[in-house]
Amino acid sequence: MINKLIINTGSMFSGKSTELQRQGERHLLAGHKVVFLKPDLDNRYGVNEIVNHKGVRVTAQSIPVDDDIRTYISDDIQIVLIDEVQFFDGRIFNDIWDLIERGKTVYCSGLDMDFRGQPFEVIANLMCLADEVNKFHAVCSHCGADAVYSAKLESDSTQRVELGEKDKYKPLCRNCYYEFME
């Protein structure tokens, strides 16, 4: 098996977690040893599960965002799949680098930008290291075009990281996002 890094990124509601689940399922069908990881602060659907927007669940280890993820991965694991990678702190870059050097294939899914259109540093740095980057687009909730932004519905909220779903965010294309932010 070839060691590599694959990134799934894009706006909210674009299918990143669904793709991560699909990628993991393919490796399970191939008989590979797989582990799913997620940040502990993402507890929207449960502590030890990755759940996509259609309700499909996979078991995952919940990791503190400032922990060394390598301590959760046994030597026999071949495939590491990490959801919501943008929530981990910067040390994850070196952890992933080390996993790849140790022969693991790593898949990461995460938001590329926050609600202000600013890149998440972790995912931006990982994209530079990646062998493959898959950019996903949701459907704009206003006009139906490809959405590249995740707009926060409460304009007075300035918190960069605020967990939520369609109750707090909506996907917008570039033009609708600019209009929404005016």
Protein backbone atom coordinates (compact mmCIF):
# COMPACT_ATOMS: atom_id res chain seq x y z
CA MET A 1 0.00 0.00 0.00
CA ILE A 2 1.25 3.46 -0.90
CA ASN A 3 1.48 6.04 1.87
CA LYS A 4 -0.17 9.31 0.94
CA LEU A 5 -2.39 12.17 2.10
CA ILE A 6 -5.79 12.89 0.55
CA ILE A 7 -7.76 16.02 1.52
CA ASN A 8 -11.52 16.48 1.15
CA THR A 9 -12.40 20.14 1.60
CA GLY A 10 -15.06 22.71 0.81
CA SER A 11 -18.01 24.47 2.37
CA MET A 12 -20.51 23.11 4.85
CA PHE A 13 -23.12 20.75 3.40
CA SER A 14 -20.86 19.83 0.46
CA GLY A 15 -20.42 16.11 1.19
CA LYS A 16 -16.97 16.02 2.79
CA SER A 17 -17.91 13.63 5.62
CA THR A 18 -19.94 11.48 3.22
CA GLU A 19 -16.87 11.15 0.99
CA LEU A 20 -14.66 10.32 3.99
CA GLN A 21 -17.09 7.56 4.99
CA ARG A 22 -17.09 6.23 1.41
CA GLN A 23 -13.29 6.26 1.28
CA GLY A 24 -13.11 4.36 4.56
CA GLU A 25 -15.72 1.83 3.41
CA ARG A 26 -13.70 1.07 0.26
CA HIS A 27 -10.62 0.32 2.37
CA LEU A 28 -12.64 -1.86 4.75
CA LEU A 29 -13.97 -3.84 1.77
CA ALA A 30 -10.37 -4.27 0.59
CA GLY A 31 -9.46 -5.78 3.98
CA HIS A 32 -7.35 -2.87 5.22
CA LYS A 33 -7.08 -1.91 8.88
CA VAL A 34 -8.88 1.42 9.25
CA VAL A 35 -9.43 3.96 12.02
CA PHE A 36 -11.73 6.99 11.95
CA LEU A 37 -10.83 10.00 14.14
CA LYS A 38 -12.68 13.20 14.97
CA PRO A 39 -12.09 16.21 17.25
CA ASP A 40 -13.71 15.93 20.67
CA LEU A 41 -15.32 19.35 20.38
CA ASP A 42 -17.52 18.10 17.51
CA ASN A 43 -20.25 16.49 19.59
CA ARG A 44 -23.23 17.53 17.44
CA TYR A 45 -24.43 13.95 16.87
CA GLY A 46 -22.61 12.00 19.53
CA VAL A 47 -19.19 11.54 21.03
CA ASN A 48 -17.78 8.56 19.14
CA GLU A 49 -19.39 8.82 15.73
CA ILE A 50 -18.95 10.63 12.46
CA VAL A 51 -22.42 11.37 11.12
CA ASN A 52 -23.09 12.84 7.69
CA HIS A 53 -26.06 15.09 6.86
CA LYS A 54 -28.09 12.08 5.71
CA GLY A 55 -27.67 10.42 9.10
CA VAL A 56 -25.17 7.73 8.05
CA ARG A 57 -22.92 6.91 11.02
CA VAL A 58 -19.48 5.37 11.44
CA THR A 59 -17.71 4.71 14.71
CA ALA A 60 -14.82 7.09 15.39
CA GLN A 61 -12.36 7.82 18.16
CA SER A 62 -12.94 11.26 19.63
CA ILE A 63 -9.60 13.04 20.15
CA PRO A 64 -8.82 16.22 22.14
CA VAL A 65 -7.90 18.89 19.58
CA ASP A 66 -4.47 19.50 21.11
CA ASP A 67 -3.50 15.82 21.55
CA ASP A 68 -0.93 13.85 19.59
CA ILE A 69 -3.19 11.81 17.28
CA ARG A 70 -0.42 9.24 16.77
CA THR A 71 -1.03 7.86 20.27
CA TYR A 72 -4.49 6.70 19.12
CA ILE A 73 -3.20 4.74 16.12
CA SER A 74 -1.79 1.25 16.57
CA ASP A 75 0.99 -0.05 14.32
CA ASP A 76 -1.35 -2.41 12.44
CA ILE A 77 -3.58 0.46 11.24
CA GLN A 78 -3.01 1.15 7.54
CA ILE A 79 -5.62 3.83 6.84
CA VAL A 80 -6.33 6.88 9.04
CA LEU A 81 -9.46 8.93 8.29
CA ILE A 82 -9.87 12.26 10.13
CA ASP A 83 -13.08 14.30 10.00
CA GLU A 84 -13.39 18.02 10.81
CA VAL A 85 -9.60 18.34 10.71
CA GLN A 86 -9.81 22.16 10.75
CA PHE A 87 -10.68 22.02 14.47
CA PHE A 88 -7.38 20.40 15.48
CA ASP A 89 -4.49 22.63 16.48
CA GLY A 90 -1.39 23.13 14.35
CA ARG A 91 0.51 20.17 15.79
CA ILE A 92 -1.64 17.81 13.70
CA PHE A 93 0.43 18.77 10.64
CA ASN A 94 3.56 17.13 12.10
CA ASP A 95 1.54 14.17 13.41
CA ILE A 96 0.15 13.50 9.92
CA TRP A 97 3.58 13.98 8.34
CA ASP A 98 4.93 11.32 10.71
CA LEU A 99 2.07 8.91 9.98
CA ILE A 100 2.75 9.19 6.25
CA GLU A 101 6.47 8.58 6.84
CA ARG A 102 5.48 5.46 8.81
CA GLY A 103 3.65 4.11 5.75
CA LYS A 104 0.08 5.09 6.61
CA THR A 105 -2.41 6.54 4.14
CA VAL A 106 -4.24 9.49 5.69
CA TYR A 107 -7.54 11.01 4.58
CA CYS A 108 -8.63 14.34 6.06
CA SER A 109 -11.96 16.11 5.63
CA GLY A 110 -12.56 19.65 6.75
CA LEU A 111 -13.80 23.12 6.00
CA ASP A 112 -11.50 25.23 3.86
CA MET A 113 -12.81 28.60 5.14
CA ASP A 114 -14.65 30.06 8.10
CA PHE A 115 -17.86 32.09 7.77
CA ARG A 116 -15.83 35.22 6.97
CA GLY A 117 -14.15 33.53 4.02
CA GLN A 118 -10.82 33.21 5.87
CA PRO A 119 -8.87 29.96 5.36
CA PHE A 120 -8.50 27.55 8.25
CA GLU A 121 -4.72 27.35 8.69
CA VAL A 122 -4.64 23.62 9.44
CA ILE A 123 -6.40 22.60 6.24
CA ALA A 124 -4.47 25.15 4.16
CA ASN A 125 -1.16 23.73 5.40
CA LEU A 126 -2.29 20.14 4.90
CA MET A 127 -3.35 20.89 1.33
CA CYS A 128 0.27 21.86 0.60
CA LEU A 129 1.44 18.46 1.85
CA ALA A 130 -1.35 16.48 0.13
CA ASP A 131 -0.97 14.08 -2.76
CA GLU A 132 -4.58 14.77 -3.73
CA VAL A 133 -7.07 17.54 -2.89
CA ASN A 134 -10.79 17.05 -3.53
CA LYS A 135 -12.75 20.33 -3.47
CA PHE A 136 -16.46 19.86 -2.76
CA HIS A 137 -19.27 22.34 -3.34
CA ALA A 138 -22.68 22.51 -1.72
CA VAL A 139 -25.71 23.95 -3.49
CA CYS A 140 -26.27 27.66 -2.89
CA SER A 141 -29.35 28.05 -0.70
CA HIS A 142 -30.32 31.26 -2.57
CA CYS A 143 -29.77 30.58 -6.29
CA GLY A 144 -28.80 26.91 -6.71
CA ALA A 145 -25.28 27.54 -8.06
CA ASP A 146 -22.18 25.83 -6.63
CA ALA A 147 -21.68 27.12 -3.09
CA VAL A 148 -18.14 27.84 -1.94
CA TYR A 149 -18.95 29.72 1.29
CA SER A 150 -20.52 28.79 4.61
CA ALA A 151 -22.43 31.89 5.75
CA LYS A 152 -23.36 32.34 9.40
CA LEU A 153 -27.02 33.26 9.86
CA GLU A 154 -26.48 35.32 13.03
CA SER A 155 -24.57 38.35 11.79
CA ASP A 156 -23.80 39.59 15.32
CA SER A 157 -21.89 36.41 16.21
CA THR A 158 -18.13 36.83 15.80
CA GLN A 159 -17.04 33.45 17.18
CA ARG A 160 -14.90 31.75 14.55
CA VAL A 161 -15.73 28.22 15.67
CA GLU A 162 -19.37 27.72 16.52
CA LEU A 163 -20.80 24.26 15.98
CA GLY A 164 -24.06 24.14 14.14
CA GLU A 165 -25.96 22.95 11.14
CA LYS A 166 -28.64 24.58 9.00
CA ASP A 167 -29.85 26.34 12.14
CA LYS A 168 -26.66 28.47 12.12
CA TYR A 169 -25.15 28.26 8.64
CA LYS A 170 -26.16 28.20 5.00
CA PRO A 171 -24.16 27.45 1.86
CA LEU A 172 -23.80 30.32 -0.60
CA CYS A 173 -22.17 30.84 -3.98
CA ARG A 174 -19.69 33.68 -4.36
CA ASN A 175 -22.24 36.24 -5.64
CA CYS A 176 -24.90 35.45 -3.04
CA TYR A 177 -22.25 35.47 -0.29
CA TYR A 178 -21.10 38.98 -1.28
CA GLU A 179 -24.72 40.20 -1.22
CA PHE A 180 -25.36 38.48 2.12
CA MET A 181 -22.27 40.05 3.72
CA GLU A 182 -23.13 43.63 2.65
